[in-house]
C-alpha atoms as a PDB file:
ATOM      1  CA  MET A   1     -29.383 -13.029  23.479  1.00  0.00           C
ATOM      2  CA  THR A   2     -27.257 -13.927  26.474  1.00  0.00           C
ATOM      3  CA  ALA A   3     -24.285 -11.841  27.508  1.00  0.00           C
ATOM      4  CA  ARG A   4     -21.924 -14.611  26.448  1.00  0.00           C
ATOM      5  CA  ALA A   5     -23.517 -14.857  22.989  1.00  0.00           C
ATOM      6  CA  LEU A   6     -23.362 -11.082  22.609  1.00  0.00           C
ATOM      7  CA  VAL A   7     -19.643 -11.008  23.451  1.00  0.00           C
ATOM      8  CA  THR A   8     -18.958 -13.882  21.051  1.00  0.00           C
ATOM      9  CA  ALA A   9     -20.898 -12.169  18.273  1.00  0.00           C
ATOM     10  CA  SER A  10     -19.027  -8.914  18.906  1.00  0.00           C
ATOM     11  CA  LEU A  11     -15.638 -10.639  18.784  1.00  0.00           C
ATOM     12  CA  LEU A  12     -16.540 -12.432  15.554  1.00  0.00           C
ATOM     13  CA  THR A  13     -17.651  -9.153  14.006  1.00  0.00           C
ATOM     14  CA  LEU A  14     -14.346  -7.527  14.960  1.00  0.00           C
ATOM     15  CA  ALA A  15     -12.332 -10.452  13.611  1.00  0.00           C
ATOM     16  CA  VAL A  16     -14.101 -10.291  10.255  1.00  0.00           C
ATOM     17  CA  ALA A  17     -14.164  -6.498   9.930  1.00  0.00           C
ATOM     18  CA  ALA A  18     -10.591  -5.806  11.109  1.00  0.00           C
ATOM     19  CA  PRO A  19      -8.792  -6.721   7.844  1.00  0.00           C
ATOM     20  CA  VAL A  20     -10.990  -4.411   5.735  1.00  0.00           C
ATOM     21  CA  PRO A  21      -9.323  -1.103   6.765  1.00  0.00           C
ATOM     22  CA  ALA A  22      -5.875  -2.618   6.239  1.00  0.00           C
ATOM     23  CA  LEU A  23      -6.866  -3.773   2.753  1.00  0.00           C
ATOM     24  CA  ALA A  24      -8.334  -0.366   1.944  1.00  0.00           C
ATOM     25  CA  GLN A  25      -5.129   1.296   3.106  1.00  0.00           C
ATOM     26  CA  ALA A  26      -3.029  -1.055   0.943  1.00  0.00           C
ATOM     27  CA  VAL A  27      -5.155  -0.264  -2.112  1.00  0.00           C
ATOM     28  CA  GLY A  28      -4.797   3.459  -1.391  1.00  0.00           C
ATOM     29  CA  THR A  29      -1.023   3.142  -1.014  1.00  0.00           C
ATOM     30  CA  ALA A  30      -0.752   1.227  -4.315  1.00  0.00           C
ATOM     31  CA  LYS A  31      -2.752   3.938  -6.100  1.00  0.00           C
ATOM     32  CA  ASP A  32      -0.628   6.682  -4.535  1.00  0.00           C
ATOM     33  CA  LEU A  33       2.575   4.932  -5.622  1.00  0.00           C
ATOM     34  CA  ALA A  34       1.242   4.517  -9.178  1.00  0.00           C
ATOM     35  CA  ALA A  35       0.401   8.235  -9.299  1.00  0.00           C
ATOM     36  CA  VAL A  36       3.852   9.257  -8.031  1.00  0.00           C
ATOM     37  CA  ILE A  37       5.564   6.994 -10.566  1.00  0.00           C
ATOM     38  CA  ALA A  38       3.423   8.390 -13.406  1.00  0.00           C
ATOM     39  CA  LEU A  39       4.155  11.982 -12.342  1.00  0.00           C
ATOM     40  CA  GLN A  40       7.871  11.184 -12.621  1.00  0.00           C
ATOM     41  CA  GLY A  41       7.255  10.104 -16.240  1.00  0.00           C
ATOM     42  CA  LYS A  42       8.003   6.421 -15.648  1.00  0.00           C
ATOM     43  CA  PRO A  43       5.940   3.626 -17.237  1.00  0.00           C
ATOM     44  CA  CYS A  44       3.918   1.638 -14.752  1.00  0.00           C
ATOM     45  CA  GLY A  45       0.167   1.428 -15.238  1.00  0.00           C
ATOM     46  CA  THR A  46      -0.979  -0.021 -11.938  1.00  0.00           C
ATOM     47  CA  VAL A  47       1.047  -1.116  -8.940  1.00  0.00           C
ATOM     48  CA  VAL A  48       0.385  -4.824  -8.394  1.00  0.00           C
ATOM     49  CA  SER A  49       2.461  -5.151  -5.218  1.00  0.00           C
ATOM     50  CA  PHE A  50       4.643  -3.066  -2.963  1.00  0.00           C
ATOM     51  CA  GLN A  51       6.919  -3.453   0.013  1.00  0.00           C
ATOM     52  CA  LYS A  52       7.451  -0.804   2.663  1.00  0.00           C
ATOM     53  CA  HIS A  53      11.077  -0.398   3.767  1.00  0.00           C
ATOM     54  CA  GLY A  54      10.621   2.563   6.082  1.00  0.00           C
ATOM     55  CA  GLU A  55       8.701   5.772   6.408  1.00  0.00           C
ATOM     56  CA  ASN A  56       8.186   7.143   2.873  1.00  0.00           C
ATOM     57  CA  ASP A  57      10.341   4.387   1.353  1.00  0.00           C
ATOM     58  CA  TYR A  58       8.761   1.714  -0.871  1.00  0.00           C
ATOM     59  CA  THR A  59       9.564  -0.763  -3.613  1.00  0.00           C
ATOM     60  CA  ALA A  60       6.704  -0.920  -6.112  1.00  0.00           C
ATOM     61  CA  ARG A  61       6.141  -3.670  -8.706  1.00  0.00           C
ATOM     62  CA  CYS A  62       4.062  -2.500 -11.662  1.00  0.00           C
ATOM     63  CA  ALA A  63       1.737  -4.389 -13.998  1.00  0.00           C
ATOM     64  CA  SER A  64       4.124  -3.405 -16.807  1.00  0.00           C
ATOM     65  CA  GLY A  65       6.856  -5.481 -15.148  1.00  0.00           C
ATOM     66  CA  HIS A  66       8.897  -2.491 -14.006  1.00  0.00           C
ATOM     67  CA  VAL A  67      10.105  -2.309 -10.412  1.00  0.00           C
ATOM     68  CA  TYR A  68      10.769   1.070  -8.797  1.00  0.00           C
ATOM     69  CA  ARG A  69      12.089   2.349  -5.509  1.00  0.00           C
ATOM     70  CA  VAL A  70       9.967   5.312  -4.378  1.00  0.00           C
ATOM     71  CA  ALA A  71      11.451   7.307  -1.516  1.00  0.00           C
ATOM     72  CA  VAL A  72      11.876  10.798  -0.134  1.00  0.00           C
ATOM     73  CA  ASP A  73      15.460  12.083  -0.202  1.00  0.00           C
ATOM     74  CA  ALA A  74      17.222  14.255   2.391  1.00  0.00           C
ATOM     75  CA  ARG A  75      15.913  17.432   0.714  1.00  0.00           C
ATOM     76  CA  GLY A  76      12.324  16.217   1.021  1.00  0.00           C
ATOM     77  CA  ARG A  77      11.908  15.437  -2.671  1.00  0.00           C
ATOM     78  CA  VAL A  78      10.289  12.281  -4.008  1.00  0.00           C
ATOM     79  CA  VAL A  79      12.748  10.149  -5.943  1.00  0.00           C
ATOM     80  CA  VAL A  80      11.726   7.261  -8.209  1.00  0.00           C
ATOM     81  CA  THR A  81      14.570   4.958  -9.276  1.00  0.00           C
ATOM     82  CA  ASP A  82      14.511   1.844 -11.464  1.00  0.00           C
ATOM     83  CA  GLN A  83      15.305  -1.401  -9.690  1.00  0.00           C
ATOM     84  CA  LYS A  84      16.760  -4.195 -11.782  1.00  0.00           C
END
């Protein structure tokens, strides 16, 4: 394999493999949000989508149709509030 072919193959491998860690992180974040919501006694099931607003501040949309804001307040406590 020539040096040029090796570089091209390496770049293609990176381009294909790069999104995988981001997807794995998104799945982990969705599971973490679902667990936090459940621990607060709110109905959710699974988180189907979420949006990050800042550090430790998310809006989570659940399979049940509920939408929650999950954030950490000034005292360092996790707060889950219904979003209408």
